[in-house]
C-alpha atoms as a PDB file:
ATOM      1  CA  MET A   1       0.012  -0.018  -0.052  1.00  0.00           C
ATOM      2  CA  SER A   2       1.216   3.521  -0.861  1.00  0.00           C
ATOM      3  CA  VAL A   3       1.760   6.123   1.829  1.00  0.00           C
ATOM      4  CA  GLY A   4       0.569   9.653   1.561  1.00  0.00           C
ATOM      5  CA  CYS A   5      -3.076   9.766   0.598  1.00  0.00           C
ATOM      6  CA  THR A   6      -4.239  13.390   0.025  1.00  0.00           C
ATOM      7  CA  VAL A   7      -7.885  12.243   0.620  1.00  0.00           C
ATOM      8  CA  HIS A   8      -8.577   9.121   2.434  1.00  0.00           C
ATOM      9  CA  ASP A   9     -11.309   6.646   1.330  1.00  0.00           C
ATOM     10  CA  PHE A  10     -12.029   4.842   4.526  1.00  0.00           C
ATOM     11  CA  LEU A  11     -13.550   1.409   4.773  1.00  0.00           C
ATOM     12  CA  TYR A  12     -15.082   0.257   8.059  1.00  0.00           C
ATOM     13  CA  VAL A  13     -13.171  -2.620   9.548  1.00  0.00           C
ATOM     14  CA  GLY A  14     -15.055  -3.389  12.741  1.00  0.00           C
ATOM     15  CA  ALA A  15     -15.819  -2.744  16.277  1.00  0.00           C
ATOM     16  CA  LEU A  16     -14.646  -3.881  19.793  1.00  0.00           C
ATOM     17  CA  ASN A  17     -17.490  -3.736  22.231  1.00  0.00           C
ATOM     18  CA  VAL A  18     -16.705  -2.957  25.903  1.00  0.00           C
ATOM     19  CA  TYR A  19     -18.886  -4.491  28.513  1.00  0.00           C
ATOM     20  CA  VAL A  20     -19.233  -4.825  32.345  1.00  0.00           C
ATOM     21  CA  ASP A  21     -21.103  -8.119  32.643  1.00  0.00           C
ATOM     22  CA  GLN A  22     -23.935  -7.463  30.189  1.00  0.00           C
ATOM     23  CA  GLU A  23     -23.845  -3.578  30.237  1.00  0.00           C
ATOM     24  CA  LEU A  24     -22.355  -2.131  27.030  1.00  0.00           C
ATOM     25  CA  LEU A  25     -20.104   0.796  28.172  1.00  0.00           C
ATOM     26  CA  LYS A  26     -18.794   1.906  24.792  1.00  0.00           C
ATOM     27  CA  VAL A  27     -17.708   0.828  21.269  1.00  0.00           C
ATOM     28  CA  LEU A  28     -14.184   1.181  19.882  1.00  0.00           C
ATOM     29  CA  GLU A  29     -14.241   1.382  16.126  1.00  0.00           C
ATOM     30  CA  ALA A  30     -11.673   1.261  13.262  1.00  0.00           C
ATOM     31  CA  TRP A  31     -11.621   2.300   9.550  1.00  0.00           C
ATOM     32  CA  ARG A  32      -8.818   1.706   7.021  1.00  0.00           C
ATOM     33  CA  CYS A  33      -8.042   3.728   3.982  1.00  0.00           C
ATOM     34  CA  ARG A  34      -8.523   1.693   0.800  1.00  0.00           C
ATOM     35  CA  ALA A  35      -5.629   3.553  -0.929  1.00  0.00           C
ATOM     36  CA  CYS A  36      -2.845   3.924   1.688  1.00  0.00           C
ATOM     37  CA  GLY A  37      -3.883   1.665   4.602  1.00  0.00           C
ATOM     38  CA  ALA A  38      -4.026   4.517   7.174  1.00  0.00           C
ATOM     39  CA  VAL A  39      -6.151   3.664  10.169  1.00  0.00           C
ATOM     40  CA  LEU A  40      -8.850   5.932  11.651  1.00  0.00           C
ATOM     41  CA  ALA A  41     -10.074   4.992  15.303  1.00  0.00           C
ATOM     42  CA  GLY A  42     -13.032   6.128  17.350  1.00  0.00           C
ATOM     43  CA  GLU A  43     -14.244   5.637  20.853  1.00  0.00           C
ATOM     44  CA  ARG A  44     -18.071   5.906  20.828  1.00  0.00           C
ATOM     45  CA  PRO A  45     -20.046   6.273  24.112  1.00  0.00           C
ATOM     46  CA  MET A  46     -23.601   4.945  24.405  1.00  0.00           C
ATOM     47  CA  GLY A  47     -26.478   7.206  23.342  1.00  0.00           C
ATOM     48  CA  PRO A  48     -27.141   9.563  20.447  1.00  0.00           C
ATOM     49  CA  ILE A  49     -23.945  10.938  18.977  1.00  0.00           C
ATOM     50  CA  SER A  50     -22.839  12.737  15.788  1.00  0.00           C
ATOM     51  CA  SER A  51     -21.069  10.846  12.901  1.00  0.00           C
ATOM     52  CA  THR A  52     -17.703  12.325  13.871  1.00  0.00           C
ATOM     53  CA  GLU A  53     -17.917  12.359  17.615  1.00  0.00           C
ATOM     54  CA  GLY A  54     -15.333  10.286  19.409  1.00  0.00           C
ATOM     55  CA  LEU A  55     -13.070   9.948  16.369  1.00  0.00           C
ATOM     56  CA  ARG A  56      -9.422  10.149  17.662  1.00  0.00           C
ATOM     57  CA  GLY A  57      -7.368  10.678  14.398  1.00  0.00           C
ATOM     58  CA  VAL A  58      -5.528   8.882  11.576  1.00  0.00           C
ATOM     59  CA  ILE A  59      -2.392   6.843  11.884  1.00  0.00           C
ATOM     60  CA  ASN A  60      -0.281   6.389   8.688  1.00  0.00           C
ATOM     61  CA  GLY A  61       2.329   3.688   8.255  1.00  0.00           C
ATOM     62  CA  ASP A  62       3.543   0.996  10.679  1.00  0.00           C
ATOM     63  CA  GLU A  63       5.408   3.266  13.214  1.00  0.00           C
ATOM     64  CA  GLU A  64       2.261   3.815  15.349  1.00  0.00           C
ATOM     65  CA  ARG A  65      -0.749   1.806  16.535  1.00  0.00           C
ATOM     66  CA  TRP A  66      -4.067   2.129  18.217  1.00  0.00           C
ATOM     67  CA  LEU A  67      -3.936   0.350  21.551  1.00  0.00           C
ATOM     68  CA  ALA A  68      -6.973  -0.500  23.645  1.00  0.00           C
ATOM     69  CA  VAL A  69      -5.908  -0.002  27.209  1.00  0.00           C
ATOM     70  CA  ALA A  70      -8.133  -1.685  29.812  1.00  0.00           C
ATOM     71  CA  ARG A  71      -8.101  -0.270  33.278  1.00  0.00           C
ATOM     72  CA  ARG A  72      -9.194  -2.137  36.406  1.00  0.00           C
ATOM     73  CA  GLY A  73     -11.848  -0.268  38.537  1.00  0.00           C
ATOM     74  CA  ALA A  74     -12.208  -0.164  42.241  1.00  0.00           C
ATOM     75  CA  GLY A  75     -14.554   1.621  44.570  1.00  0.00           C
ATOM     76  CA  SER A  76     -15.992   4.678  42.966  1.00  0.00           C
ATOM     77  CA  LEU A  77     -13.658   4.344  40.011  1.00  0.00           C
ATOM     78  CA  PRO A  78     -15.306   2.036  37.350  1.00  0.00           C
ATOM     79  CA  PRO A  79     -13.327  -0.155  35.012  1.00  0.00           C
ATOM     80  CA  ASP A  80     -12.851   1.383  31.454  1.00  0.00           C
ATOM     81  CA  VAL A  81     -11.119   0.942  28.146  1.00  0.00           C
ATOM     82  CA  ILE A  82      -9.519   3.860  26.400  1.00  0.00           C
ATOM     83  CA  LEU A  83      -7.854   4.248  23.058  1.00  0.00           C
ATOM     84  CA  VAL A  84      -4.202   5.334  23.147  1.00  0.00           C
ATOM     85  CA  ARG A  85      -2.089   6.271  20.111  1.00  0.00           C
ATOM     86  CA  ALA A  86       1.257   4.752  20.711  1.00  0.00           C
ATOM     87  CA  ARG A  87       4.716   4.237  19.166  1.00  0.00           C
ATOM     88  CA  ARG A  88       7.332   1.717  20.133  1.00  0.00           C
ATOM     89  CA  GLY A  89       9.700   3.058  22.832  1.00  0.00           C
ATOM     90  CA  GLN A  90       7.223   5.808  23.724  1.00  0.00           C
ATOM     91  CA  GLU A  91       6.153   6.531  27.395  1.00  0.00           C
ATOM     92  CA  ILE A  92       2.307   6.829  27.629  1.00  0.00           C
ATOM     93  CA  SER A  93       0.539   8.064  30.643  1.00  0.00           C
ATOM     94  CA  VAL A  94      -2.405   5.904  31.917  1.00  0.00           C
ATOM     95  CA  GLU A  95      -4.133   6.753  35.146  1.00  0.00           C
ATOM     96  CA  ALA A  96      -4.970   3.421  37.008  1.00  0.00           C
ATOM     97  CA  ILE A  97      -5.718   2.362  40.544  1.00  0.00           C
ATOM     98  CA  ASP A  98      -2.981   0.688  42.434  1.00  0.00           C
ATOM     99  CA  GLU A  99      -0.338   1.843  40.080  1.00  0.00           C
ATOM    100  CA  GLU A 100       2.474   3.966  41.753  1.00  0.00           C
ATOM    101  CA  ASP A 101       3.446   5.466  38.515  1.00  0.00           C
ATOM    102  CA  SER A 102       1.163   6.346  35.673  1.00  0.00           C
ATOM    103  CA  ARG A 103       3.863   6.235  33.115  1.00  0.00           C
ATOM    104  CA  LEU A 104       4.060   3.113  30.908  1.00  0.00           C
ATOM    105  CA  LEU A 105       6.721   2.167  28.376  1.00  0.00           C
ATOM    106  CA  VAL A 106       5.616   0.719  24.968  1.00  0.00           C
ATOM    107  CA  ARG A 107       8.042  -2.103  24.054  1.00  0.00           C
ATOM    108  CA  ASP A 108       8.961  -3.357  20.658  1.00  0.00           C
ATOM    109  CA  ASP A 109       6.224  -5.982  20.606  1.00  0.00           C
ATOM    110  CA  TRP A 110       3.664  -3.436  21.581  1.00  0.00           C
ATOM    111  CA  SER A 111       3.226  -4.718  25.095  1.00  0.00           C
ATOM    112  CA  VAL A 112       3.670  -2.176  28.050  1.00  0.00           C
ATOM    113  CA  VAL A 113       5.720  -2.137  31.269  1.00  0.00           C
ATOM    114  CA  ARG A 114       5.942   0.381  33.963  1.00  0.00           C
ATOM    115  CA  ALA A 115       8.467   3.165  32.877  1.00  0.00           C
ATOM    116  CA  SER A 116       9.917   3.330  36.413  1.00  0.00           C
ATOM    117  CA  ASP A 117      10.967  -0.303  37.018  1.00  0.00           C
ATOM    118  CA  GLY A 118      10.161  -2.237  33.764  1.00  0.00           C
ATOM    119  CA  SER A 119       7.721  -4.491  35.562  1.00  0.00           C
ATOM    120  CA  PRO A 120       4.228  -5.354  33.982  1.00  0.00           C
ATOM    121  CA  PRO A 121       1.324  -3.127  35.289  1.00  0.00           C
ATOM    122  CA  LYS A 122      -1.062  -4.928  37.625  1.00  0.00           C
ATOM    123  CA  THR A 123      -4.200  -2.960  36.790  1.00  0.00           C
ATOM    124  CA  VAL A 124      -3.753  -2.315  33.219  1.00  0.00           C
ATOM    125  CA  ALA A 125      -4.169  -4.624  30.215  1.00  0.00           C
ATOM    126  CA  VAL A 126      -3.279  -3.658  26.751  1.00  0.00           C
ATOM    127  CA  TYR A 127      -4.731  -4.945  23.351  1.00  0.00           C
ATOM    128  CA  ASP A 128      -3.900  -4.023  19.836  1.00  0.00           C
ATOM    129  CA  LEU A 129      -7.034  -2.485  18.591  1.00  0.00           C
ATOM    130  CA  LEU A 130      -6.997  -3.942  15.042  1.00  0.00           C
ATOM    131  CA  SER A 131      -6.354  -7.534  16.249  1.00  0.00           C
ATOM    132  CA  GLN A 132      -9.322  -7.291  18.668  1.00  0.00           C
ATOM    133  CA  LEU A 133     -11.968  -5.922  16.211  1.00  0.00           C
ATOM    134  CA  LYS A 134     -15.227  -7.937  15.736  1.00  0.00           C
ATOM    135  CA  GLY A 135     -15.157  -8.885  19.321  1.00  0.00           C
ATOM    136  CA  TYR A 136     -15.468  -7.740  22.907  1.00  0.00           C
ATOM    137  CA  ILE A 137     -13.835  -7.152  26.137  1.00  0.00           C
ATOM    138  CA  ASP A 138     -15.730  -7.868  29.520  1.00  0.00           C
ATOM    139  CA  LEU A 139     -14.233  -5.864  32.409  1.00  0.00           C
ATOM    140  CA  SER A 140     -16.369  -7.716  35.057  1.00  0.00           C
ATOM    141  CA  THR A 141     -13.341  -9.891  35.796  1.00  0.00           C
ATOM    142  CA  TRP A 142      -9.619  -9.232  36.100  1.00  0.00           C
ATOM    143  CA  PRO A 143      -7.758  -9.723  33.888  1.00  0.00           C
ATOM    144  CA  PRO A 144     -10.682  -8.886  31.440  1.00  0.00           C
ATOM    145  CA  LYS A 145     -12.261 -11.548  29.259  1.00  0.00           C
ATOM    146  CA  ALA A 146     -11.473 -10.738  25.607  1.00  0.00           C
ATOM    147  CA  PHE A 147     -12.952 -12.447  22.594  1.00  0.00           C
ATOM    148  CA  THR A 148     -12.718 -11.849  18.847  1.00  0.00           C
ATOM    149  CA  LEU A 149     -14.283 -13.514  15.782  1.00  0.00           C
ATOM    150  CA  GLN A 150     -11.141 -12.819  13.639  1.00  0.00           C
ATOM    151  CA  ARG A 151      -9.199 -15.730  12.414  1.00  0.00           C
ATOM    152  CA  ARG A 152      -5.931 -16.540  14.091  1.00  0.00           C
ATOM    153  CA  SER A 153      -3.006 -18.298  12.766  1.00  0.00           C
ATOM    154  CA  ALA A 154      -1.445 -21.193  14.609  1.00  0.00           C
ATOM    155  CA  VAL A 155       1.467 -18.859  15.546  1.00  0.00           C
ATOM    156  CA  GLU A 156      -0.706 -16.199  17.059  1.00  0.00           C
ATOM    157  CA  GLY A 157      -2.417 -18.747  19.197  1.00  0.00           C
ATOM    158  CA  ASP A 158      -5.098 -17.730  21.829  1.00  0.00           C
ATOM    159  CA  LEU A 159      -6.097 -14.153  22.356  1.00  0.00           C
ATOM    160  CA  LYS A 160      -4.087 -12.678  25.109  1.00  0.00           C
ATOM    161  CA  PRO A 161      -3.254  -9.041  26.231  1.00  0.00           C
ATOM    162  CA  LEU A 162       0.066  -7.923  24.824  1.00  0.00           C
END
C-alpha cells in the first residue's frame, strides 16, 4: 500500500464492544483507507452521537498503533477501556488504581511495562485494537475476558493481552 493519501477513502473494519457483565459501556471502532492503509479509530459512548464524535485521528504507516488500554476499577472508579495512540519506545501516561506510576513504556512487541522499573502493570491490560476488532472485552473480571471472531494463525494462538 502506498503512503501519503491526500484524501482518504475509509472502509469500516469493525468494532470492539466494551462490557461490564452485560452492560455495554462503549464501542471502539476502526476504519482503514482503501488507498494507503491509514487507520482511523474512534471511541463511541452509548447514546445519540454525531457521525464524527469520538473519532481520535488517523495513523499512517507501521510506526504507530492504536492500543485499547483496559483499566481495572475499584470503589467509585469504574473499569474502563481507552484508546491510546502509541509508538514503540514511547512513554504513555495511563491513570489506573494501584499503580504507583502512571507512566508506561511501549515495548517493541507493543506490550507495556512500567516506565519506572520495567515490571508489568497490575491494573492495566493492553490490546492491539486492529487484532481485537469484531469482538468484545468484558471488564467484570480481572484480567478482562477478551474475545474476537477474527481468524488466528497457529502462530498467534489464543487471544491474550500484549
